[in-house]
Amino acid sequence: RMESLTAIRALKQKSGFCLLREEDQTRQTIPTLRSFERRARWFLYTPWLARILRLFIAPSVARNAAAALLLRPLVERGACTYRLHILEKPAI
């Protein structure tokens, strides 16, 4: 599930966690997203093979193929980012 950065920061503050470090990992994810995109194209543009594979994979995997096809362009255009948040719960 995608959340806005503002909502995540508010949730961290509300939960009592302290932010130790936050890093933008978006650029590092692009090669993986390209790999996902290639696999999704193969799955979505080979209908006969997709029909066969659907017999063996969960429906959620098939639905994720469409997301994998769209995610790289969205990330490269700045519509979404990948962030690393390292949090600490203060001792009581």
Protein backbone atom coordinates (compact mmCIF):
# COMPACT_ATOMS: atom_id res chain seq x y z
CA ARG A 1 0.00 0.00 0.00
CA MET A 2 1.31 3.43 -0.90
CA GLU A 3 1.18 6.25 1.61
CA SER A 4 2.08 9.89 1.33
CA LEU A 5 5.33 10.90 3.00
CA THR A 6 3.41 13.38 5.15
CA ALA A 7 1.10 10.62 6.41
CA ILE A 8 4.05 8.36 7.22
CA ARG A 9 5.82 11.11 9.16
CA ALA A 10 2.64 11.85 11.10
CA LEU A 11 2.18 8.16 11.92
CA LYS A 12 5.78 7.90 13.16
CA GLN A 13 5.30 10.90 15.41
CA LYS A 14 1.95 9.64 16.72
CA SER A 15 3.37 6.20 17.52
CA GLY A 16 6.19 7.65 19.61
CA PHE A 17 9.05 6.49 17.42
CA CYS A 18 12.12 8.66 16.94
CA LEU A 19 13.50 8.97 13.43
CA LEU A 20 17.17 8.00 13.40
CA ARG A 21 17.67 8.19 9.64
CA GLU A 22 15.66 8.69 6.47
CA GLU A 23 17.13 8.02 3.03
CA ASP A 24 15.70 8.29 -0.46
CA GLN A 25 16.41 4.90 -2.08
CA THR A 26 14.52 5.63 -5.31
CA ARG A 27 17.51 5.65 -7.68
CA GLN A 28 18.74 2.33 -6.29
CA THR A 29 15.40 0.64 -7.08
CA ILE A 30 15.33 1.49 -10.81
CA PRO A 31 17.32 -1.61 -11.96
CA THR A 32 14.98 -3.90 -10.00
CA LEU A 33 11.92 -2.11 -11.35
CA ARG A 34 13.25 -2.58 -14.90
CA SER A 35 13.61 -6.29 -14.21
CA PHE A 36 10.03 -6.47 -12.89
CA GLU A 37 8.85 -4.56 -15.96
CA ARG A 38 10.54 -7.01 -18.35
CA ARG A 39 8.95 -9.97 -16.59
CA ALA A 40 5.55 -8.28 -16.56
CA ARG A 41 5.76 -7.58 -20.32
CA TRP A 42 6.63 -11.20 -20.94
CA PHE A 43 3.66 -12.32 -18.83
CA LEU A 44 1.13 -9.81 -20.18
CA TYR A 45 2.12 -9.95 -23.84
CA THR A 46 2.22 -13.73 -24.11
CA PRO A 47 -1.45 -14.56 -23.49
CA TRP A 48 -1.22 -18.30 -24.07
CA LEU A 49 1.59 -18.59 -21.55
CA ALA A 50 -0.22 -16.34 -19.08
CA ARG A 51 -3.26 -18.64 -19.23
CA ILE A 52 -1.10 -21.63 -18.40
CA LEU A 53 0.77 -19.87 -15.60
CA ARG A 54 -2.47 -18.69 -14.01
CA LEU A 55 -3.25 -22.33 -13.27
CA PHE A 56 -0.21 -22.45 -10.97
CA ILE A 57 0.11 -18.95 -9.47
CA ALA A 58 -2.02 -16.97 -7.07
CA PRO A 59 -4.40 -14.37 -8.57
CA SER A 60 -2.55 -11.62 -6.71
CA VAL A 61 0.63 -12.44 -8.64
CA ALA A 62 -1.17 -11.99 -11.95
CA ARG A 63 -2.64 -8.65 -10.79
CA ASN A 64 0.82 -7.48 -9.73
CA ALA A 65 2.02 -7.83 -13.32
CA ALA A 66 0.10 -4.70 -14.31
CA ALA A 67 1.58 -2.77 -11.39
CA ALA A 68 5.09 -3.95 -12.30
CA LEU A 69 4.57 -2.68 -15.83
CA LEU A 70 3.63 0.81 -14.63
CA LEU A 71 5.84 1.31 -11.59
CA ARG A 72 9.18 2.16 -13.22
CA PRO A 73 7.79 5.03 -15.33
CA LEU A 74 5.95 6.40 -12.29
CA VAL A 75 9.08 6.32 -10.16
CA GLU A 76 11.26 7.86 -12.89
CA ARG A 77 8.78 10.72 -13.30
CA GLY A 78 8.72 11.38 -9.55
CA ALA A 79 5.16 10.22 -8.88
CA CYS A 80 6.38 7.94 -6.09
CA THR A 81 9.59 7.27 -4.19
CA TYR A 82 11.18 4.52 -2.14
CA ARG A 83 12.35 5.65 1.28
CA LEU A 84 14.29 3.94 4.03
CA HIS A 85 13.18 4.96 7.52
CA ILE A 86 15.18 3.80 10.51
CA LEU A 87 13.19 4.33 13.66
CA GLU A 88 13.74 3.80 17.35
CA LYS A 89 11.16 3.33 20.07
CA PRO A 90 12.34 5.21 23.17
CA ALA A 91 12.66 3.11 26.32
CA ILE A 92 9.89 3.61 28.84
